[in-house]
Protein backbone atom coordinates (compact mmCIF):
# COMPACT_ATOMS: atom_id res chain seq x y z
CA MET A 1 133.22 38.20 -41.07
CA SER A 2 134.61 38.29 -44.55
CA THR A 3 133.93 41.04 -47.05
CA ASN A 4 131.76 38.66 -49.08
CA THR A 5 129.57 37.96 -46.07
CA ASN A 6 129.22 41.68 -45.36
CA ALA A 7 128.18 42.28 -48.96
CA GLU A 8 125.55 39.54 -48.70
CA VAL A 9 124.19 41.01 -45.47
CA ILE A 10 124.04 44.50 -46.97
CA GLU A 11 122.25 43.17 -50.07
CA LYS A 12 119.70 41.37 -47.90
CA GLU A 13 119.13 44.54 -45.83
CA ARG A 14 118.63 46.57 -49.01
CA SER A 15 116.17 44.01 -50.32
CA MET A 16 114.16 44.13 -47.08
CA ALA A 17 114.23 47.94 -47.11
CA ARG A 18 113.03 47.97 -50.73
CA THR A 19 110.18 45.59 -49.89
CA THR A 20 109.20 47.70 -46.90
CA ALA A 21 109.26 50.90 -48.96
CA ILE A 22 107.06 49.34 -51.65
CA GLY A 23 104.62 48.08 -49.04
CA LEU A 24 104.39 51.48 -47.40
CA GLY A 25 103.91 53.13 -50.78
CA VAL A 26 101.04 50.80 -51.63
CA TRP A 27 99.46 51.36 -48.21
CA LEU A 28 99.73 55.13 -48.67
CA ALA A 29 98.21 54.97 -52.17
CA VAL A 30 95.27 52.87 -50.94
CA THR A 31 94.71 55.24 -48.02
CA VAL A 32 94.77 58.33 -50.23
CA ALA A 33 92.42 56.66 -52.72
CA ALA A 34 89.97 55.80 -49.92
CA VAL A 35 90.02 59.36 -48.59
CA VAL A 36 89.47 60.83 -52.06
CA LEU A 37 86.61 58.43 -52.78
CA LEU A 38 84.98 59.27 -49.46
CA LEU A 39 85.33 62.98 -50.14
CA LEU A 40 83.83 62.63 -53.62
CA PHE A 41 81.11 60.08 -52.92
CA GLY A 42 80.56 60.34 -49.16
CA ASP A 43 77.10 61.88 -49.45
CA VAL A 44 75.96 59.26 -51.96
CA ILE A 45 77.30 56.41 -49.83
CA SER A 46 75.74 57.74 -46.64
CA SER A 47 72.37 58.25 -48.35
CA LEU A 48 72.32 54.53 -49.23
CA PHE A 49 72.31 53.64 -45.53
CA VAL A 50 69.94 56.31 -44.25
């Protein structure tokens, strides 16, 4: 493998890692938002169904 090919592989790995990190960050933000909303409005939401 040439140095150029190694650089391309490393760049592709970094791009995939960046995409994965962004996806995990979004998932974590959505999860935290859901937990906070349930903590704040859980009683109101449950009273709608009871």
